[in-house]
């Protein structure tokens, strides 16, 4: 809407001489705030409120949620050791023990155990069915990759279809039994299913 984008850093976008900026600052009550460096603002520790459960000058930041956000960011940036250390040092785990168990079961290809654990987490019926579908779809694809067609067909018929989720995808999965080249059309590579147990 007529706003030109600046590619230069904010400090280089200052328009007008430095003396004009100083005189403007002297005229406003914000001089005290502006005169502090950014480093001073960032270096201030978050103060805990009376109960120790909230932090910040207003007491609106829940400490546990704040630590979880930082931990999640560390993991997403690839700083796994730092994330694990923050979880250990703070005593605030990113995930509950039940969620950690579930993620381990999925990673290790323990399909029946992971679906059973999923039911105990307390999700809505719709979300539980959708998540179960994704888990069982992976099981189906891995069975096909290992050329266990009868087991894959059994999984499709007796575990995936009764969920009544994403029937269009179910039809595409069924076509993988008839035509292995359907893997490529579904965007499934061998890398997607490597490293897990059947």
C-alpha atoms as a PDB file:
ATOM      1  CA  UNK A   1       0.000   0.000   0.000  1.00  0.00           C
ATOM      2  CA  UNK A   2       2.693   2.464  -0.969  1.00  0.00           C
ATOM      3  CA  UNK A   3       5.098   1.492   1.805  1.00  0.00           C
ATOM      4  CA  UNK A   4       8.615   1.041   0.542  1.00  0.00           C
ATOM      5  CA  UNK A   5      10.514  -1.851   2.036  1.00  0.00           C
ATOM      6  CA  UNK A   6      13.884  -1.011   3.529  1.00  0.00           C
ATOM      7  CA  UNK A   7      16.597  -3.575   3.110  1.00  0.00           C
ATOM      8  CA  UNK A   8      18.946  -1.789   5.475  1.00  0.00           C
ATOM      9  CA  UNK A   9      19.079  -2.529   9.206  1.00  0.00           C
ATOM     10  CA  UNK A  10      16.915  -0.274  11.420  1.00  0.00           C
ATOM     11  CA  UNK A  11      19.895   1.732  12.735  1.00  0.00           C
ATOM     12  CA  UNK A  12      20.864   2.771   9.205  1.00  0.00           C
ATOM     13  CA  UNK A  13      17.314   3.924   8.394  1.00  0.00           C
ATOM     14  CA  UNK A  14      17.607   7.019  10.649  1.00  0.00           C
ATOM     15  CA  UNK A  15      16.649  10.063   8.652  1.00  0.00           C
ATOM     16  CA  UNK A  16      18.049  13.446   9.457  1.00  0.00           C
ATOM     17  CA  UNK A  17      21.115  14.530  11.397  1.00  0.00           C
ATOM     18  CA  UNK A  18      21.901  13.125  14.803  1.00  0.00           C
ATOM     19  CA  UNK A  19      21.513  16.549  16.424  1.00  0.00           C
ATOM     20  CA  UNK A  20      17.841  16.733  15.320  1.00  0.00           C
ATOM     21  CA  UNK A  21      17.205  13.344  16.900  1.00  0.00           C
ATOM     22  CA  UNK A  22      18.756  14.459  20.179  1.00  0.00           C
ATOM     23  CA  UNK A  23      16.604  17.596  20.300  1.00  0.00           C
ATOM     24  CA  UNK A  24      13.485  15.537  19.645  1.00  0.00           C
ATOM     25  CA  UNK A  25      14.375  13.187  22.472  1.00  0.00           C
ATOM     26  CA  UNK A  26      14.896  16.033  24.890  1.00  0.00           C
ATOM     27  CA  UNK A  27      11.367  17.269  24.188  1.00  0.00           C
ATOM     28  CA  UNK A  28       9.684  13.956  25.070  1.00  0.00           C
ATOM     29  CA  UNK A  29       9.225  12.137  28.353  1.00  0.00           C
ATOM     30  CA  UNK A  30      10.564   8.933  26.823  1.00  0.00           C
ATOM     31  CA  UNK A  31      14.161  10.160  26.950  1.00  0.00           C
ATOM     32  CA  UNK A  32      14.931   7.986  29.943  1.00  0.00           C
ATOM     33  CA  UNK A  33      13.694   4.807  28.203  1.00  0.00           C
ATOM     34  CA  UNK A  34      15.368   5.548  24.855  1.00  0.00           C
ATOM     35  CA  UNK A  35      18.710   6.364  26.443  1.00  0.00           C
ATOM     36  CA  UNK A  36      19.027   2.774  27.734  1.00  0.00           C
ATOM     37  CA  UNK A  37      20.804   0.450  25.387  1.00  0.00           C
ATOM     38  CA  UNK A  38      19.051  -2.591  23.976  1.00  0.00           C
ATOM     39  CA  UNK A  39      21.544  -4.779  25.828  1.00  0.00           C
ATOM     40  CA  UNK A  40      20.422  -3.280  29.140  1.00  0.00           C
ATOM     41  CA  UNK A  41      16.808  -4.090  28.338  1.00  0.00           C
ATOM     42  CA  UNK A  42      17.568  -7.680  27.326  1.00  0.00           C
ATOM     43  CA  UNK A  43      19.908  -8.395  30.217  1.00  0.00           C
ATOM     44  CA  UNK A  44      17.309  -7.805  32.904  1.00  0.00           C
ATOM     45  CA  UNK A  45      16.232 -11.075  34.509  1.00  0.00           C
ATOM     46  CA  UNK A  46      12.561 -11.936  34.524  1.00  0.00           C
ATOM     47  CA  UNK A  47      11.390 -11.375  38.056  1.00  0.00           C
ATOM     48  CA  UNK A  48       9.311 -14.071  39.712  1.00  0.00           C
ATOM     49  CA  UNK A  49       6.011 -13.119  41.222  1.00  0.00           C
ATOM     50  CA  UNK A  50       4.953 -14.187  44.711  1.00  0.00           C
ATOM     51  CA  UNK A  51       3.873 -17.736  43.875  1.00  0.00           C
ATOM     52  CA  UNK A  52       6.956 -18.601  41.782  1.00  0.00           C
ATOM     53  CA  UNK A  53       4.657 -19.943  39.051  1.00  0.00           C
ATOM     54  CA  UNK A  54       4.621 -16.724  37.033  1.00  0.00           C
ATOM     55  CA  UNK A  55       7.441 -14.490  35.852  1.00  0.00           C
ATOM     56  CA  UNK A  56       7.807 -11.072  34.274  1.00  0.00           C
ATOM     57  CA  UNK A  57       7.128  -7.578  35.491  1.00  0.00           C
ATOM     58  CA  UNK A  58       3.368  -8.023  35.048  1.00  0.00           C
ATOM     59  CA  UNK A  59       3.269 -11.600  36.347  1.00  0.00           C
ATOM     60  CA  UNK A  60       1.401 -12.866  33.294  1.00  0.00           C
ATOM     61  CA  UNK A  61       3.991 -15.340  31.977  1.00  0.00           C
ATOM     62  CA  UNK A  62       3.696 -18.828  33.379  1.00  0.00           C
ATOM     63  CA  UNK A  63       7.183 -20.100  34.159  1.00  0.00           C
ATOM     64  CA  UNK A  64       6.558 -23.693  33.019  1.00  0.00           C
ATOM     65  CA  UNK A  65       5.126 -22.586  29.659  1.00  0.00           C
ATOM     66  CA  UNK A  66       7.983 -20.146  29.100  1.00  0.00           C
ATOM     67  CA  UNK A  67      10.565 -22.862  29.732  1.00  0.00           C
ATOM     68  CA  UNK A  68       8.705 -25.266  27.414  1.00  0.00           C
ATOM     69  CA  UNK A  69       8.756 -22.654  24.632  1.00  0.00           C
ATOM     70  CA  UNK A  70      12.510 -22.194  25.029  1.00  0.00           C
ATOM     71  CA  UNK A  71      13.083 -25.964  25.182  1.00  0.00           C
ATOM     72  CA  UNK A  72      11.001 -26.570  22.049  1.00  0.00           C
ATOM     73  CA  UNK A  73      12.928 -23.810  20.241  1.00  0.00           C
ATOM     74  CA  UNK A  74      16.261 -25.351  21.247  1.00  0.00           C
ATOM     75  CA  UNK A  75      15.217 -28.769  19.935  1.00  0.00           C
ATOM     76  CA  UNK A  76      13.843 -27.299  16.697  1.00  0.00           C
ATOM     77  CA  UNK A  77      17.148 -25.499  16.088  1.00  0.00           C
ATOM     78  CA  UNK A  78      19.072 -28.732  16.579  1.00  0.00           C
ATOM     79  CA  UNK A  79      20.417 -27.959  20.054  1.00  0.00           C
ATOM     80  CA  UNK A  80      19.331 -31.293  21.523  1.00  0.00           C
ATOM     81  CA  UNK A  81      21.901 -31.314  24.346  1.00  0.00           C
ATOM     82  CA  UNK A  82      20.920 -27.808  25.431  1.00  0.00           C
ATOM     83  CA  UNK A  83      17.212 -28.687  25.282  1.00  0.00           C
ATOM     84  CA  UNK A  84      17.753 -31.828  27.352  1.00  0.00           C
ATOM     85  CA  UNK A  85      19.898 -29.896  29.834  1.00  0.00           C
ATOM     86  CA  UNK A  86      17.210 -27.223  30.223  1.00  0.00           C
ATOM     87  CA  UNK A  87      14.582 -29.919  30.843  1.00  0.00           C
ATOM     88  CA  UNK A  88      16.822 -31.553  33.452  1.00  0.00           C
ATOM     89  CA  UNK A  89      17.957 -28.363  35.164  1.00  0.00           C
ATOM     90  CA  UNK A  90      14.509 -26.764  35.318  1.00  0.00           C
ATOM     91  CA  UNK A  91      12.705 -29.973  36.234  1.00  0.00           C
ATOM     92  CA  UNK A  92      10.081 -29.090  33.609  1.00  0.00           C
ATOM     93  CA  UNK A  93       9.833 -31.749  30.899  1.00  0.00           C
ATOM     94  CA  UNK A  94       8.762 -30.675  27.427  1.00  0.00           C
ATOM     95  CA  UNK A  95       6.367 -33.629  27.159  1.00  0.00           C
ATOM     96  CA  UNK A  96       4.622 -35.786  29.716  1.00  0.00           C
ATOM     97  CA  UNK A  97       5.968 -39.294  30.290  1.00  0.00           C
ATOM     98  CA  UNK A  98       2.942 -40.693  28.425  1.00  0.00           C
ATOM     99  CA  UNK A  99       3.676 -38.580  25.345  1.00  0.00           C
ATOM    100  CA  UNK A 100       7.368 -39.567  25.460  1.00  0.00           C
ATOM    101  CA  UNK A 101       6.345 -43.232  25.662  1.00  0.00           C
ATOM    102  CA  UNK A 102       4.008 -42.782  22.692  1.00  0.00           C
ATOM    103  CA  UNK A 103       6.654 -41.039  20.559  1.00  0.00           C
ATOM    104  CA  UNK A 104       9.152 -43.805  21.342  1.00  0.00           C
ATOM    105  CA  UNK A 105       6.668 -46.484  20.349  1.00  0.00           C
ATOM    106  CA  UNK A 106       5.942 -44.784  17.031  1.00  0.00           C
ATOM    107  CA  UNK A 107       9.637 -44.261  16.307  1.00  0.00           C
ATOM    108  CA  UNK A 108      10.376 -47.926  17.031  1.00  0.00           C
ATOM    109  CA  UNK A 109       7.481 -49.199  14.916  1.00  0.00           C
ATOM    110  CA  UNK A 110       5.512 -50.668  17.829  1.00  0.00           C
ATOM    111  CA  UNK A 111       2.220 -50.031  16.077  1.00  0.00           C
ATOM    112  CA  UNK A 112      -0.241 -51.817  18.368  1.00  0.00           C
ATOM    113  CA  UNK A 113       1.387 -50.396  21.493  1.00  0.00           C
ATOM    114  CA  UNK A 114       1.382 -46.870  20.081  1.00  0.00           C
ATOM    115  CA  UNK A 115      -2.318 -47.013  19.163  1.00  0.00           C
ATOM    116  CA  UNK A 116      -3.126 -48.373  22.646  1.00  0.00           C
ATOM    117  CA  UNK A 117      -1.088 -45.610  24.301  1.00  0.00           C
ATOM    118  CA  UNK A 118      -2.751 -43.019  22.087  1.00  0.00           C
ATOM    119  CA  UNK A 119      -6.123 -44.027  23.519  1.00  0.00           C
ATOM    120  CA  UNK A 120      -4.903 -43.309  27.066  1.00  0.00           C
ATOM    121  CA  UNK A 121      -3.645 -39.782  26.331  1.00  0.00           C
ATOM    122  CA  UNK A 122      -7.163 -38.319  26.464  1.00  0.00           C
ATOM    123  CA  UNK A 123      -7.668 -36.889  22.984  1.00  0.00           C
ATOM    124  CA  UNK A 124     -11.005 -36.233  21.335  1.00  0.00           C
ATOM    125  CA  UNK A 125     -12.428 -39.152  19.368  1.00  0.00           C
ATOM    126  CA  UNK A 126     -11.875 -37.405  16.028  1.00  0.00           C
ATOM    127  CA  UNK A 127      -8.224 -36.575  16.747  1.00  0.00           C
ATOM    128  CA  UNK A 128      -7.601 -40.068  18.110  1.00  0.00           C
ATOM    129  CA  UNK A 129      -9.005 -41.642  14.930  1.00  0.00           C
ATOM    130  CA  UNK A 130      -6.954 -39.353  12.681  1.00  0.00           C
ATOM    131  CA  UNK A 131      -3.747 -40.063  14.603  1.00  0.00           C
ATOM    132  CA  UNK A 132      -4.476 -43.804  14.603  1.00  0.00           C
ATOM    133  CA  UNK A 133      -5.000 -43.607  10.841  1.00  0.00           C
ATOM    134  CA  UNK A 134      -1.561 -42.053  10.340  1.00  0.00           C
ATOM    135  CA  UNK A 135       0.116 -44.662  12.550  1.00  0.00           C
ATOM    136  CA  UNK A 136      -1.630 -47.576  10.830  1.00  0.00           C
ATOM    137  CA  UNK A 137      -0.921 -46.084   7.399  1.00  0.00           C
ATOM    138  CA  UNK A 138       2.791 -46.149   8.230  1.00  0.00           C
ATOM    139  CA  UNK A 139       2.460 -49.736   9.435  1.00  0.00           C
ATOM    140  CA  UNK A 140       0.720 -50.659   6.165  1.00  0.00           C
ATOM    141  CA  UNK A 141       3.410 -49.027   4.039  1.00  0.00           C
ATOM    142  CA  UNK A 142       6.220 -50.691   5.947  1.00  0.00           C
ATOM    143  CA  UNK A 143       4.591 -54.088   5.587  1.00  0.00           C
ATOM    144  CA  UNK A 144       4.333 -53.511   1.843  1.00  0.00           C
ATOM    145  CA  UNK A 145       7.963 -52.439   1.699  1.00  0.00           C
ATOM    146  CA  UNK A 146       8.942 -55.699   3.418  1.00  0.00           C
ATOM    147  CA  UNK A 147       6.783 -57.486   0.811  1.00  0.00           C
ATOM    148  CA  UNK A 148       4.364 -58.773   3.460  1.00  0.00           C
ATOM    149  CA  UNK A 149       1.345 -58.181   1.235  1.00  0.00           C
ATOM    150  CA  UNK A 150      -1.077 -60.398   3.181  1.00  0.00           C
ATOM    151  CA  UNK A 151      -0.252 -58.633   6.466  1.00  0.00           C
ATOM    152  CA  UNK A 152      -0.541 -55.231   4.770  1.00  0.00           C
ATOM    153  CA  UNK A 153      -3.935 -56.174   3.326  1.00  0.00           C
ATOM    154  CA  UNK A 154      -5.076 -57.389   6.756  1.00  0.00           C
ATOM    155  CA  UNK A 155      -3.998 -54.064   8.296  1.00  0.00           C
ATOM    156  CA  UNK A 156      -5.856 -52.155   5.618  1.00  0.00           C
ATOM    157  CA  UNK A 157      -9.070 -54.197   5.920  1.00  0.00           C
ATOM    158  CA  UNK A 158      -9.247 -54.746   9.665  1.00  0.00           C
ATOM    159  CA  UNK A 159      -7.505 -51.723  11.180  1.00  0.00           C
ATOM    160  CA  UNK A 160      -7.534 -48.779   8.766  1.00  0.00           C
ATOM    161  CA  UNK A 161     -10.931 -49.103   7.013  1.00  0.00           C
ATOM    162  CA  UNK A 162     -12.959 -49.445  10.282  1.00  0.00           C
ATOM    163  CA  UNK A 163     -11.703 -46.006  11.354  1.00  0.00           C
ATOM    164  CA  UNK A 164     -13.761 -44.409   8.529  1.00  0.00           C
ATOM    165  CA  UNK A 165     -11.140 -41.698   8.108  1.00  0.00           C
ATOM    166  CA  UNK A 166      -9.935 -40.264   4.780  1.00  0.00           C
ATOM    167  CA  UNK A 167     -11.543 -42.849   2.488  1.00  0.00           C
ATOM    168  CA  UNK A 168      -9.913 -41.292  -0.569  1.00  0.00           C
ATOM    169  CA  UNK A 169      -6.509 -42.013   0.978  1.00  0.00           C
ATOM    170  CA  UNK A 170      -7.641 -45.566   1.842  1.00  0.00           C
ATOM    171  CA  UNK A 171      -8.378 -46.163  -1.853  1.00  0.00           C
ATOM    172  CA  UNK A 172      -4.926 -44.856  -2.775  1.00  0.00           C
ATOM    173  CA  UNK A 173      -3.338 -47.163  -0.190  1.00  0.00           C
ATOM    174  CA  UNK A 174      -5.261 -50.101  -1.610  1.00  0.00           C
ATOM    175  CA  UNK A 175      -3.897 -49.304  -5.051  1.00  0.00           C
ATOM    176  CA  UNK A 176      -0.373 -49.720  -3.630  1.00  0.00           C
ATOM    177  CA  UNK A 177      -1.100 -53.440  -3.225  1.00  0.00           C
ATOM    178  CA  UNK A 178      -1.987 -53.785  -6.893  1.00  0.00           C
ATOM    179  CA  UNK A 179       0.597 -51.368  -8.258  1.00  0.00           C
ATOM    180  CA  UNK A 180       3.801 -50.829  -6.270  1.00  0.00           C
ATOM    181  CA  UNK A 181       4.539 -47.806  -8.477  1.00  0.00           C
ATOM    182  CA  UNK A 182       1.690 -46.096  -6.601  1.00  0.00           C
ATOM    183  CA  UNK A 183       4.274 -45.456  -3.858  1.00  0.00           C
ATOM    184  CA  UNK A 184       5.858 -42.840  -6.084  1.00  0.00           C
ATOM    185  CA  UNK A 185       2.511 -41.219  -6.919  1.00  0.00           C
ATOM    186  CA  UNK A 186       1.688 -40.969  -3.207  1.00  0.00           C
ATOM    187  CA  UNK A 187       5.037 -39.287  -2.597  1.00  0.00           C
ATOM    188  CA  UNK A 188       6.379 -42.148  -0.509  1.00  0.00           C
ATOM    189  CA  UNK A 189      10.072 -42.866  -0.726  1.00  0.00           C
ATOM    190  CA  UNK A 190      12.082 -45.696   0.755  1.00  0.00           C
ATOM    191  CA  UNK A 191      13.613 -43.176   3.148  1.00  0.00           C
ATOM    192  CA  UNK A 192      10.208 -42.553   4.780  1.00  0.00           C
ATOM    193  CA  UNK A 193      10.040 -46.094   6.105  1.00  0.00           C
ATOM    194  CA  UNK A 194      13.680 -46.955   6.737  1.00  0.00           C
ATOM    195  CA  UNK A 195      14.976 -47.534  10.216  1.00  0.00           C
ATOM    196  CA  UNK A 196      11.784 -48.662  11.912  1.00  0.00           C
ATOM    197  CA  UNK A 197      10.883 -52.123  13.038  1.00  0.00           C
ATOM    198  CA  UNK A 198       7.848 -54.008  11.709  1.00  0.00           C
END
